[in-house]
Amino acid sequence: MKGLVALLVVWFGAIGGGFLLNGHEQRVANFLTAANAKAGGTGGTGGTITKIAGTATAGADGASITIKMKDFSFDPNTITAPAGKLTLVLQNWGRYTHDFRIHTLDGAGELATAGRVGAGFAHDLTVTLTPGTYDFDCSVSNHAKRGMTGTLTVTG
């Protein structure tokens, strides 16, 4: 009887967990859209999930690009940006906490890093970059090994 009870608890837990996690990315999209609107921002996801272009757009204050941090990837994971000031808008669309670090051109160290970003939250990281190809990743636990990496090409 104990085995049957344990089996039922696990089974109902799995079903309940599926209902709780189903639609997680859409709930995060709605949250980030609402937070953007509340902060007076423009654009946003409009409640839909779309792939982001991998080219940073230049403006008066430098270039900027939005990066979706997912479990376990970046979208986009290949970025091209002009040299100079670059603002990365890091949005965590995943269930886990992530971070973001850019490695030096020679790969020997960190050039810049954003602190940890919890699920459903966003963080801006502004850096000034010279031309070259930089690798970036998430240094939390084994996230980089699981594919949470990317390349940032800065053009002259």
C-alpha atoms as a PDB file:
ATOM      1  CA  MET A   1       0.000   0.000   0.000  1.00  0.00           C
ATOM      2  CA  LYS A   2       2.861   2.397   0.822  1.00  0.00           C
ATOM      3  CA  GLY A   3       4.310   1.772  -2.634  1.00  0.00           C
ATOM      4  CA  LEU A   4       0.988   2.664  -4.273  1.00  0.00           C
ATOM      5  CA  VAL A   5       0.694   5.858  -2.221  1.00  0.00           C
ATOM      6  CA  ALA A   6       4.269   6.840  -3.107  1.00  0.00           C
ATOM      7  CA  LEU A   7       3.595   6.142  -6.784  1.00  0.00           C
ATOM      8  CA  LEU A   8       0.430   8.268  -6.722  1.00  0.00           C
ATOM      9  CA  VAL A   9       2.254  11.140  -4.987  1.00  0.00           C
ATOM     10  CA  VAL A  10       5.010  11.092  -7.613  1.00  0.00           C
ATOM     11  CA  TRP A  11       2.507  10.798 -10.472  1.00  0.00           C
ATOM     12  CA  PHE A  12       0.298  13.658  -9.267  1.00  0.00           C
ATOM     13  CA  GLY A  13       3.402  15.733  -8.509  1.00  0.00           C
ATOM     14  CA  ALA A  14       4.628  15.257 -12.067  1.00  0.00           C
ATOM     15  CA  ILE A  15       1.249  16.254 -13.495  1.00  0.00           C
ATOM     16  CA  GLY A  16       1.018  19.288 -11.214  1.00  0.00           C
ATOM     17  CA  GLY A  17       4.582  20.297 -12.004  1.00  0.00           C
ATOM     18  CA  GLY A  18       3.817  20.030 -15.701  1.00  0.00           C
ATOM     19  CA  PHE A  19       0.871  22.393 -15.313  1.00  0.00           C
ATOM     20  CA  LEU A  20       2.987  24.843 -13.304  1.00  0.00           C
ATOM     21  CA  LEU A  21       5.884  24.840 -15.761  1.00  0.00           C
ATOM     22  CA  ASN A  22       3.793  24.715 -18.930  1.00  0.00           C
ATOM     23  CA  GLY A  23       3.795  28.176 -20.491  1.00  0.00           C
ATOM     24  CA  HIS A  24       6.692  29.429 -18.335  1.00  0.00           C
ATOM     25  CA  GLU A  25       8.390  31.204 -21.237  1.00  0.00           C
ATOM     26  CA  GLN A  26       5.124  32.895 -22.228  1.00  0.00           C
ATOM     27  CA  ARG A  27       4.572  34.096 -18.638  1.00  0.00           C
ATOM     28  CA  VAL A  28       8.088  35.534 -18.611  1.00  0.00           C
ATOM     29  CA  ALA A  29       7.397  37.259 -21.954  1.00  0.00           C
ATOM     30  CA  ASN A  30       4.256  38.833 -20.501  1.00  0.00           C
ATOM     31  CA  PHE A  31       6.119  39.883 -17.340  1.00  0.00           C
ATOM     32  CA  LEU A  32       9.017  41.470 -19.229  1.00  0.00           C
ATOM     33  CA  THR A  33       6.609  43.250 -21.595  1.00  0.00           C
ATOM     34  CA  ALA A  34       4.635  44.658 -18.661  1.00  0.00           C
ATOM     35  CA  ALA A  35       7.823  45.701 -16.856  1.00  0.00           C
ATOM     36  CA  ASN A  36       9.078  47.424 -20.009  1.00  0.00           C
ATOM     37  CA  ALA A  37       5.801  49.314 -20.424  1.00  0.00           C
ATOM     38  CA  LYS A  38       5.731  50.297 -16.737  1.00  0.00           C
ATOM     39  CA  ALA A  39       9.267  51.663 -17.034  1.00  0.00           C
ATOM     40  CA  GLY A  40       8.189  53.801 -19.983  1.00  0.00           C
ATOM     41  CA  GLY A  41      10.002  51.652 -22.528  1.00  0.00           C
ATOM     42  CA  THR A  42       8.923  51.155 -26.089  1.00  0.00           C
ATOM     43  CA  GLY A  43       8.770  48.026 -28.146  1.00  0.00           C
ATOM     44  CA  GLY A  44       8.935  44.831 -26.137  1.00  0.00           C
ATOM     45  CA  THR A  45       7.674  41.419 -27.017  1.00  0.00           C
ATOM     46  CA  GLY A  46       3.964  42.204 -27.141  1.00  0.00           C
ATOM     47  CA  GLY A  47       3.371  38.889 -25.406  1.00  0.00           C
ATOM     48  CA  THR A  48       4.893  36.814 -28.198  1.00  0.00           C
ATOM     49  CA  ILE A  49       8.142  34.934 -28.292  1.00  0.00           C
ATOM     50  CA  THR A  50      10.316  35.806 -31.266  1.00  0.00           C
ATOM     51  CA  LYS A  51      13.904  35.219 -32.341  1.00  0.00           C
ATOM     52  CA  ILE A  52      16.041  38.316 -31.938  1.00  0.00           C
ATOM     53  CA  ALA A  53      18.265  39.621 -34.723  1.00  0.00           C
ATOM     54  CA  GLY A  54      21.972  39.230 -34.039  1.00  0.00           C
ATOM     55  CA  THR A  55      22.997  42.759 -35.046  1.00  0.00           C
ATOM     56  CA  ALA A  56      23.316  45.554 -32.497  1.00  0.00           C
ATOM     57  CA  THR A  57      21.635  48.771 -33.603  1.00  0.00           C
ATOM     58  CA  ALA A  58      23.622  51.980 -33.224  1.00  0.00           C
ATOM     59  CA  GLY A  59      22.061  55.048 -31.655  1.00  0.00           C
ATOM     60  CA  ALA A  60      23.183  58.383 -30.228  1.00  0.00           C
ATOM     61  CA  ASP A  61      24.357  56.668 -27.011  1.00  0.00           C
ATOM     62  CA  GLY A  62      26.118  53.797 -28.759  1.00  0.00           C
ATOM     63  CA  ALA A  63      24.813  50.439 -29.876  1.00  0.00           C
ATOM     64  CA  SER A  64      22.409  48.190 -28.013  1.00  0.00           C
ATOM     65  CA  ILE A  65      21.019  44.696 -28.340  1.00  0.00           C
ATOM     66  CA  THR A  66      18.630  42.555 -26.315  1.00  0.00           C
ATOM     67  CA  ILE A  67      19.758  39.051 -25.415  1.00  0.00           C
ATOM     68  CA  LYS A  68      17.337  36.413 -24.129  1.00  0.00           C
ATOM     69  CA  MET A  69      18.962  34.169 -21.545  1.00  0.00           C
ATOM     70  CA  LYS A  70      17.264  30.768 -21.687  1.00  0.00           C
ATOM     71  CA  ASP A  71      17.868  27.319 -20.247  1.00  0.00           C
ATOM     72  CA  PHE A  72      20.594  26.737 -21.650  1.00  0.00           C
ATOM     73  CA  SER A  73      21.230  29.143 -24.502  1.00  0.00           C
ATOM     74  CA  PHE A  74      21.458  32.777 -25.521  1.00  0.00           C
ATOM     75  CA  ASP A  75      19.209  34.249 -28.219  1.00  0.00           C
ATOM     76  CA  PRO A  76      21.015  35.451 -30.212  1.00  0.00           C
ATOM     77  CA  ASN A  77      24.278  33.658 -29.554  1.00  0.00           C
ATOM     78  CA  THR A  78      26.111  35.318 -32.461  1.00  0.00           C
ATOM     79  CA  ILE A  79      26.214  39.114 -32.346  1.00  0.00           C
ATOM     80  CA  THR A  80      27.784  41.782 -34.554  1.00  0.00           C
ATOM     81  CA  ALA A  81      28.235  45.295 -33.188  1.00  0.00           C
ATOM     82  CA  PRO A  82      30.208  48.424 -34.094  1.00  0.00           C
ATOM     83  CA  ALA A  83      33.261  49.365 -32.013  1.00  0.00           C
ATOM     84  CA  GLY A  84      32.619  51.660 -29.072  1.00  0.00           C
ATOM     85  CA  LYS A  85      29.946  51.707 -26.413  1.00  0.00           C
ATOM     86  CA  LEU A  86      27.583  48.705 -26.398  1.00  0.00           C
ATOM     87  CA  THR A  87      24.646  48.127 -24.067  1.00  0.00           C
ATOM     88  CA  LEU A  88      23.493  44.536 -23.676  1.00  0.00           C
ATOM     89  CA  VAL A  89      19.953  44.199 -22.357  1.00  0.00           C
ATOM     90  CA  LEU A  90      20.007  40.790 -20.686  1.00  0.00           C
ATOM     91  CA  GLN A  91      16.552  39.256 -20.173  1.00  0.00           C
ATOM     92  CA  ASN A  92      16.285  35.972 -18.293  1.00  0.00           C
ATOM     93  CA  TRP A  93      13.562  33.936 -19.991  1.00  0.00           C
ATOM     94  CA  GLY A  94      14.639  30.723 -18.292  1.00  0.00           C
ATOM     95  CA  ARG A  95      13.685  28.984 -15.084  1.00  0.00           C
ATOM     96  CA  TYR A  96      17.189  29.238 -13.613  1.00  0.00           C
ATOM     97  CA  THR A  97      19.405  32.127 -12.569  1.00  0.00           C
ATOM     98  CA  HIS A  98      21.988  33.066 -15.207  1.00  0.00           C
ATOM     99  CA  ASP A  99      24.838  35.511 -15.601  1.00  0.00           C
ATOM    100  CA  PHE A 100      26.744  36.907 -18.561  1.00  0.00           C
ATOM    101  CA  ARG A 101      30.468  37.377 -18.992  1.00  0.00           C
ATOM    102  CA  ILE A 102      32.544  38.575 -21.929  1.00  0.00           C
ATOM    103  CA  HIS A 103      36.054  37.162 -22.224  1.00  0.00           C
ATOM    104  CA  THR A 104      39.105  39.176 -23.237  1.00  0.00           C
ATOM    105  CA  LEU A 105      40.206  38.940 -26.876  1.00  0.00           C
ATOM    106  CA  ASP A 106      42.959  36.479 -25.958  1.00  0.00           C
ATOM    107  CA  GLY A 107      40.509  34.424 -23.871  1.00  0.00           C
ATOM    108  CA  ALA A 108      42.759  34.659 -20.807  1.00  0.00           C
ATOM    109  CA  GLY A 109      40.302  36.481 -18.573  1.00  0.00           C
ATOM    110  CA  GLU A 110      37.049  38.352 -18.179  1.00  0.00           C
ATOM    111  CA  LEU A 111      36.574  41.699 -19.878  1.00  0.00           C
ATOM    112  CA  ALA A 112      33.145  42.384 -18.381  1.00  0.00           C
ATOM    113  CA  THR A 113      30.558  40.527 -16.373  1.00  0.00           C
ATOM    114  CA  ALA A 114      26.952  41.054 -15.386  1.00  0.00           C
ATOM    115  CA  GLY A 115      25.815  39.851 -11.992  1.00  0.00           C
ATOM    116  CA  ARG A 116      23.320  37.070 -11.637  1.00  0.00           C
ATOM    117  CA  VAL A 117      19.932  37.656 -13.231  1.00  0.00           C
ATOM    118  CA  GLY A 118      17.025  35.720 -11.730  1.00  0.00           C
ATOM    119  CA  ALA A 119      14.250  34.123 -13.764  1.00  0.00           C
ATOM    120  CA  GLY A 120      11.923  36.769 -15.167  1.00  0.00           C
ATOM    121  CA  PHE A 121      14.318  39.649 -14.488  1.00  0.00           C
ATOM    122  CA  ALA A 122      16.504  41.801 -16.728  1.00  0.00           C
ATOM    123  CA  HIS A 123      19.841  43.582 -16.342  1.00  0.00           C
ATOM    124  CA  ASP A 124      21.705  46.069 -18.559  1.00  0.00           C
ATOM    125  CA  LEU A 125      25.446  45.708 -19.079  1.00  0.00           C
ATOM    126  CA  THR A 126      27.280  48.554 -20.838  1.00  0.00           C
ATOM    127  CA  VAL A 127      30.802  48.000 -22.162  1.00  0.00           C
ATOM    128  CA  THR A 128      33.192  49.799 -24.498  1.00  0.00           C
ATOM    129  CA  LEU A 129      34.762  47.431 -27.007  1.00  0.00           C
ATOM    130  CA  THR A 130      37.510  47.583 -29.613  1.00  0.00           C
ATOM    131  CA  PRO A 131      37.340  45.595 -32.879  1.00  0.00           C
ATOM    132  CA  GLY A 132      37.796  41.864 -32.545  1.00  0.00           C
ATOM    133  CA  THR A 133      35.930  38.661 -31.750  1.00  0.00           C
ATOM    134  CA  TYR A 134      34.918  38.067 -28.148  1.00  0.00           C
ATOM    135  CA  ASP A 135      33.484  34.913 -26.608  1.00  0.00           C
ATOM    136  CA  PHE A 136      30.734  35.172 -23.998  1.00  0.00           C
ATOM    137  CA  ASP A 137      29.045  32.667 -21.736  1.00  0.00           C
ATOM    138  CA  CYS A 138      27.075  32.011 -18.557  1.00  0.00           C
ATOM    139  CA  SER A 139      29.425  31.061 -15.726  1.00  0.00           C
ATOM    140  CA  VAL A 140      26.722  29.669 -13.434  1.00  0.00           C
ATOM    141  CA  SER A 141      27.284  25.989 -12.607  1.00  0.00           C
ATOM    142  CA  ASN A 142      27.604  23.924 -15.810  1.00  0.00           C
ATOM    143  CA  HIS A 143      25.555  26.274 -18.030  1.00  0.00           C
ATOM    144  CA  ALA A 144      28.409  27.044 -20.455  1.00  0.00           C
ATOM    145  CA  LYS A 145      29.151  23.322 -20.856  1.00  0.00           C
ATOM    146  CA  ARG A 146      25.468  22.796 -21.655  1.00  0.00           C
ATOM    147  CA  GLY A 147      25.666  25.275 -24.546  1.00  0.00           C
ATOM    148  CA  MET A 148      25.137  28.681 -22.962  1.00  0.00           C
ATOM    149  CA  THR A 149      27.885  30.359 -24.993  1.00  0.00           C
ATOM    150  CA  GLY A 150      28.198  32.796 -27.850  1.00  0.00           C
ATOM    151  CA  THR A 151      30.380  35.042 -29.987  1.00  0.00           C
ATOM    152  CA  LEU A 152      30.423  38.844 -30.212  1.00  0.00           C
ATOM    153  CA  THR A 153      32.137  40.303 -33.285  1.00  0.00           C
ATOM    154  CA  VAL A 154      33.020  43.975 -32.983  1.00  0.00           C
ATOM    155  CA  THR A 155      33.683  45.735 -36.287  1.00  0.00           C
ATOM    156  CA  GLY A 156      35.971  48.698 -36.771  1.00  0.00           C
END
